[in-house]
Each structure stands twice: as structure tokens, then as C-alpha cells.
């Protein structure tokens, strides 16, 4: 089996994009390709066919390679929960909630074993692995317990490509510094450099490229221009950089509440791609205004983010918006927030208790230990009957809603969104929508209905 490793001088330099491109390129050349990232930290997760969780970026890379995502492509997924803790997903399944120190004490050896086992499994059905690192491969305080960068490259004896972001400035220092901090064995694996996100004139860069080759002895394989691509981002930091759908003129404005622990915001990429839709991301402290629709997204810590909405006044703003005729859609944790209360009797999210929610309809949700993670294909009832809709569930919580009670409380009739009543509801005015289904906007006919 052949392999190539893609590492970067820092986070957000474009490793995922380059890895995705290599998966597609090698697949087109006839190789049986699989992506691999030993450890990922992200709240954008995807549910595989067997109900396992992996980073969404690895799912995209699998699709680029023309294959179905599987848990071995990302054996360790860390999902930050706040308070310096993360949920550990090991080979697709929840394995505990730990601090950084506890993680390395408890999961370093099992994690490395899971990585090696996953590589062995992938090698059985594929003849080329495109592996992605995380962050920087030379964090000197963490290098001895780095599971996902040069440890993997050395294990596979994989030729390695170093990716650097020139748009931030200081690209030559980043490249030289990264290489200088590598051990001799690690540096020997680096066969080329890719400079990413270039906006200027190539001829002005050439002297620097020649200097870099002379200084490092490693060739620059290519200079990738700045691309306005629509591949999903790995974490919510990218939301701070987004302009409202490229400031395009649009007929419809959709405001997404940028919760502090927002998860699966890839749900909204299809909306951003719609030419007549402008998507804006609002902090809980921002003025809600009166957009055409408001979306409350999923979150890793529903109760904590609900309390922030209440403290900042965003919860009251949403209630006033609905009272004025506004349209709200809640997805997963956002759906749970729309109900009457959330209860966490076991303190799974950190604090035991029962917490008042937005009370837009009388739904009650109890946070449970058991996580539901599964792909779904269902038939819609609204906004058009009989449309096939595919997506996935990924939540810890069970919700109960009586349609009769909801009608009595709100004065509106409620219906189930899909043939499976557990997946969501909509009221008769079609102003209140809630669903547990991630990826719902990926379904073009439903999105445009």
C-alpha cells in the first residue's frame, strides 16, 4: 500500500482542501484511494452507515475518492464541550469525556492502537492512503504525544507534503521554522512544499521560491491560488471570517444564531450556495433584527448555549420575533431549545437540573446517556408531501410533544414534518419548524419546496 502525508505549518492553512484534492486526483488516475486522519478535533461530525461518528472533513474526502465514509478514516474524534473538556469518539463510538491531561493519560495508548488498526483495515481494500495531519507537526510541548502528524508519517514511511498559508504573511518563516523544528528522520520524509492561498503576481514570488529551495533543499511543488471553494470548514472559527454569503444581493435573508458551541454548521452550506439566499451568522449578543427566517443550529452543549441565549437577550428577541410573525427553524439542539424545557437529571452536560427553554411549543426534552447516531432516509410531509429526504441524527436527548397540547397552547395546529414523527414538527402557519435531521438542506427538492 502506498501513502502520502499532508501536514501544515499551522491550523487553517488548507490541509483538508489539499487532501481532498489529492483524493480526487489519485482516484481519477485509477488508484483505490482512502483518506485518513488519525485524530481530529471538530464539532462538525458525520454519521457513517454503521452509525459511527467521524469528522465531516473526512466524509467529504471519502466522497472525493468515490467511496462511502467509514470510521477507520478518522478513528479518534475529539468534540469540545467547554470548560476545557472534550468528548472522545473512539472508532466511531463515545468513549468518555475528559480534560486534555486526562485524554493523554487515558487514551494515548488506546488511541495509537486504534490508529494502527484502522490503517491496517483501510489497507485491505485500498492501495493508496492520503493522510492528513492536524495543526502543526512541531508543537514542541505536545510533540511527544502527537498522534496524528509525523508519528503516522513515520509509521507508514509516507512521503510528506508541507502546506503553508501565504495569505497570513510570514510564509517563509513558517516553512523554515517548521522544518527546523523537525527531527532529522521526520524532515527526511518531507519531499515537497505547497504554498496555499496566493493572491498576488506569481513573478514577484519566484525569488522567494528559489531562496526557499536553496535554504531547505526541498522543492516547492506548487503555488495554489486563493480559491472561493465551498468545501465545508472543520470548525466554527471559519464562521468569524465569513461575509454574509459573499455580500450578494438576495431575495431571502436567513439568520443563523452562532451559538458558542455550534456544531454541524455544514448544515447551512447548501443555503449559502443558493443564489437568492443571503445567510448571516449572528452572535447571541447581536441585534436579531427581522430577517426572513432564523435558524437555531445544533450545539454540543444545548443547555449551556440556551442559558447564554437567555442571558444575552437573544432568547427574548427570538420570542418577540415569532410573536411578530417571524419564521424559526431549530435543528437538533436548536430544536430542543424551542420547547418548554430541557432536563438533565444525570448532569451529562455538566449541571443537573431542569431548565426553561424558549417555550415556543410544549415539547419536553430529557438529556440521556445514550447517543442516537444513525443515517436516515424518510419521506416528507411538509412543505410538500412525499419528497425523499436523506440526512442523519446525532443527538443525546429524547423529546416528547403532544400535537393536541401544542395546538391548545399556541392556537396553531401542528403536524409532523416526516413520516417518522420523532424527526420533527411544523405548525400550521409554517412559522415554527423543528427537526432532529442534520443535512436536511442537502436535499435540493425539499430545500426549494
Foldseek 3Di string as FASTA:
>chain_A
DAEEEEEELFPPLCLLVVLLVVLLVVLVVPFQEAEAFLEEEFQAWAQFAVQFIDFVSRQSSCVSNVHGDALLRYQWYWYDQDPQKTFIRGSRHTDDIDHPVVCLVPPLVVSLVSNVVSVVVVVVRGDYYYYYAHTACQPPVCNVRRRGHLVVCVVNVHQYEYEGEPVVPPRLVSVVVSLVRDDPSSNVSHAEYEYEADDDDVVVCVVVQVVSCVVRVHHHPYYYHRDPDLDDDRYDVVLVVDDFLVPAAADFEEEEEPFPFFHNPVLCSLQSVDRRYTYHYHYLLDQPPAGQEYEYEDGPQLVVSQVVNVVNVVLVNVVVNVVVPHAYEYEASGLQLLAQWEAECPCPSNDGDIGGHSHNFHKYKYFAPDWAWHKDWFFFPPPHGGDIFIFIATGGIFMDHDQVRRCVVNVWGKDAGTPPNRAWIATPSRRYIYGRGGNRVVRPVRVVD
